[in-house]
Amino acid sequence: MISVIIIDDHPLVLNGFEFILKNTSTIVLRGSFSSTKDAFEFLTTEAVDVILMDINMPEMNGIDATEIIKKNIQIHGSLPSVISTREALPYAC
């Protein structure tokens, strides 16, 4: 089983991803968060395999949040992160 958390500030997107992941037999949804702060707190005590992160969050963008998680949260092995957005990527090269 693959353990996943979702971090997205848009309730409709969060609920949509929750619905899809909860109905996937090989994935365990460990949590969904509307703020990076709440996700950081969760990740200080819980381990996950994948983070599904919104790129445009109000308090911090998903790229910076992913960097903080990788640097400051105790992670065993690599942590794949999937960054999502509904807008054009201002961060694209």
C-alpha atoms as a PDB file:
ATOM      1  CA  MET A   1       0.000   0.000   0.000  1.00  0.00           C
ATOM      2  CA  ILE A   2       1.141   3.523  -0.777  1.00  0.00           C
ATOM      3  CA  SER A   3       0.466   6.112   1.922  1.00  0.00           C
ATOM      4  CA  VAL A   4      -0.443   9.585   0.668  1.00  0.00           C
ATOM      5  CA  ILE A   5      -1.307  13.003   2.060  1.00  0.00           C
ATOM      6  CA  ILE A   6      -2.937  15.858   0.164  1.00  0.00           C
ATOM      7  CA  ILE A   7      -2.159  19.537   0.761  1.00  0.00           C
ATOM      8  CA  ASP A   8      -4.475  21.943  -1.079  1.00  0.00           C
ATOM      9  CA  ASP A   9      -6.298  25.084   0.022  1.00  0.00           C
ATOM     10  CA  HIS A  10      -9.230  24.672  -2.384  1.00  0.00           C
ATOM     11  CA  PRO A  11     -11.984  22.516  -0.789  1.00  0.00           C
ATOM     12  CA  LEU A  12     -13.338  21.307  -4.134  1.00  0.00           C
ATOM     13  CA  VAL A  13      -9.918  20.098  -5.284  1.00  0.00           C
ATOM     14  CA  LEU A  14      -9.173  18.582  -1.876  1.00  0.00           C
ATOM     15  CA  ASN A  15     -12.492  16.718  -1.847  1.00  0.00           C
ATOM     16  CA  GLY A  16     -11.978  15.526  -5.422  1.00  0.00           C
ATOM     17  CA  PHE A  17      -8.538  14.083  -4.696  1.00  0.00           C
ATOM     18  CA  GLU A  18      -9.859  12.527  -1.470  1.00  0.00           C
ATOM     19  CA  PHE A  19     -12.665  10.819  -3.376  1.00  0.00           C
ATOM     20  CA  ILE A  20     -10.322   9.433  -6.028  1.00  0.00           C
ATOM     21  CA  LEU A  21      -7.666   8.232  -3.580  1.00  0.00           C
ATOM     22  CA  LYS A  22     -10.125   6.700  -1.107  1.00  0.00           C
ATOM     23  CA  ASN A  23     -11.516   4.607  -3.952  1.00  0.00           C
ATOM     24  CA  THR A  24      -8.120   3.289  -5.048  1.00  0.00           C
ATOM     25  CA  SER A  25      -7.275  -0.099  -3.559  1.00  0.00           C
ATOM     26  CA  THR A  26      -3.484   0.368  -3.531  1.00  0.00           C
ATOM     27  CA  ILE A  27      -3.484   3.780  -1.792  1.00  0.00           C
ATOM     28  CA  VAL A  28      -4.062   4.687   1.837  1.00  0.00           C
ATOM     29  CA  LEU A  29      -5.020   8.339   2.328  1.00  0.00           C
ATOM     30  CA  ARG A  30      -3.301   9.277   5.602  1.00  0.00           C
ATOM     31  CA  GLY A  31      -4.563  12.854   5.709  1.00  0.00           C
ATOM     32  CA  SER A  32      -5.697  15.913   3.819  1.00  0.00           C
ATOM     33  CA  PHE A  33      -4.737  19.438   4.791  1.00  0.00           C
ATOM     34  CA  SER A  34      -5.804  22.897   3.683  1.00  0.00           C
ATOM     35  CA  SER A  35      -2.625  24.516   5.019  1.00  0.00           C
ATOM     36  CA  THR A  36       1.055  23.705   4.899  1.00  0.00           C
ATOM     37  CA  LYS A  37       1.344  24.431   8.629  1.00  0.00           C
ATOM     38  CA  ASP A  38      -1.094  21.629   9.493  1.00  0.00           C
ATOM     39  CA  ALA A  39       0.697  19.263   7.121  1.00  0.00           C
ATOM     40  CA  PHE A  40       4.087  20.111   8.666  1.00  0.00           C
ATOM     41  CA  GLU A  41       2.702  19.295  12.129  1.00  0.00           C
ATOM     42  CA  PHE A  42       1.335  15.957  10.887  1.00  0.00           C
ATOM     43  CA  LEU A  43       4.608  15.051   9.190  1.00  0.00           C
ATOM     44  CA  THR A  44       6.634  15.578  12.361  1.00  0.00           C
ATOM     45  CA  THR A  45       5.052  12.418  13.784  1.00  0.00           C
ATOM     46  CA  GLU A  46       3.800  10.467  10.758  1.00  0.00           C
ATOM     47  CA  ALA A  47       5.543   9.048   7.693  1.00  0.00           C
ATOM     48  CA  VAL A  48       4.061   8.934   4.197  1.00  0.00           C
ATOM     49  CA  ASP A  49       5.210   7.676   0.815  1.00  0.00           C
ATOM     50  CA  VAL A  50       3.831  10.475  -1.394  1.00  0.00           C
ATOM     51  CA  ILE A  51       2.708  14.091  -0.943  1.00  0.00           C
ATOM     52  CA  LEU A  52       0.187  15.549  -3.374  1.00  0.00           C
ATOM     53  CA  MET A  53       0.717  19.316  -3.022  1.00  0.00           C
ATOM     54  CA  ASP A  54      -0.953  22.396  -4.495  1.00  0.00           C
ATOM     55  CA  ILE A  55       1.619  24.763  -5.948  1.00  0.00           C
ATOM     56  CA  ASN A  56      -0.345  27.945  -5.120  1.00  0.00           C
ATOM     57  CA  MET A  57      -0.992  27.978  -1.382  1.00  0.00           C
ATOM     58  CA  PRO A  58      -1.796  31.187   0.521  1.00  0.00           C
ATOM     59  CA  GLU A  59       0.896  31.008   3.214  1.00  0.00           C
ATOM     60  CA  MET A  60       3.622  29.316   1.146  1.00  0.00           C
ATOM     61  CA  ASN A  61       3.906  27.910  -2.363  1.00  0.00           C
ATOM     62  CA  GLY A  62       4.094  24.161  -2.830  1.00  0.00           C
ATOM     63  CA  ILE A  63       7.651  24.195  -4.120  1.00  0.00           C
ATOM     64  CA  ASP A  64       8.988  25.977  -1.029  1.00  0.00           C
ATOM     65  CA  ALA A  65       6.856  23.788   1.247  1.00  0.00           C
ATOM     66  CA  THR A  66       8.243  20.639  -0.381  1.00  0.00           C
ATOM     67  CA  GLU A  67      11.802  21.887   0.144  1.00  0.00           C
ATOM     68  CA  ILE A  68      11.085  22.570   3.824  1.00  0.00           C
ATOM     69  CA  ILE A  69       9.560  19.124   4.253  1.00  0.00           C
ATOM     70  CA  LYS A  70      12.557  17.433   2.621  1.00  0.00           C
ATOM     71  CA  LYS A  71      15.048  19.415   4.737  1.00  0.00           C
ATOM     72  CA  ASN A  72      13.304  19.452   8.112  1.00  0.00           C
ATOM     73  CA  ILE A  73      11.077  16.407   8.400  1.00  0.00           C
ATOM     74  CA  GLN A  74      12.614  13.036   9.234  1.00  0.00           C
ATOM     75  CA  ILE A  75      12.157  11.030   6.059  1.00  0.00           C
ATOM     76  CA  HIS A  76      13.172   7.440   5.476  1.00  0.00           C
ATOM     77  CA  GLY A  77      14.360   7.197   1.886  1.00  0.00           C
ATOM     78  CA  SER A  78      13.116   9.483  -0.832  1.00  0.00           C
ATOM     79  CA  LEU A  79       9.772  11.270  -0.699  1.00  0.00           C
ATOM     80  CA  PRO A  80       8.043  11.661  -4.050  1.00  0.00           C
ATOM     81  CA  SER A  81       6.023  14.853  -4.267  1.00  0.00           C
ATOM     82  CA  VAL A  82       3.434  15.579  -6.912  1.00  0.00           C
ATOM     83  CA  ILE A  83       2.832  19.288  -7.407  1.00  0.00           C
ATOM     84  CA  SER A  84      -0.540  20.298  -8.850  1.00  0.00           C
ATOM     85  CA  THR A  85      -2.026  23.565  -9.973  1.00  0.00           C
ATOM     86  CA  ARG A  86      -5.048  24.747 -11.893  1.00  0.00           C
ATOM     87  CA  GLU A  87      -3.245  27.813 -13.226  1.00  0.00           C
ATOM     88  CA  ALA A  88      -0.318  28.394 -15.555  1.00  0.00           C
ATOM     89  CA  LEU A  89       2.949  27.624 -13.850  1.00  0.00           C
ATOM     90  CA  PRO A  90       4.891  30.818 -13.138  1.00  0.00           C
ATOM     91  CA  TYR A  91       7.699  28.526 -11.917  1.00  0.00           C
ATOM     92  CA  ALA A  92       8.118  26.647 -15.184  1.00  0.00           C
ATOM     93  CA  CYS A  93      11.442  26.972 -16.967  1.00  0.00           C
END
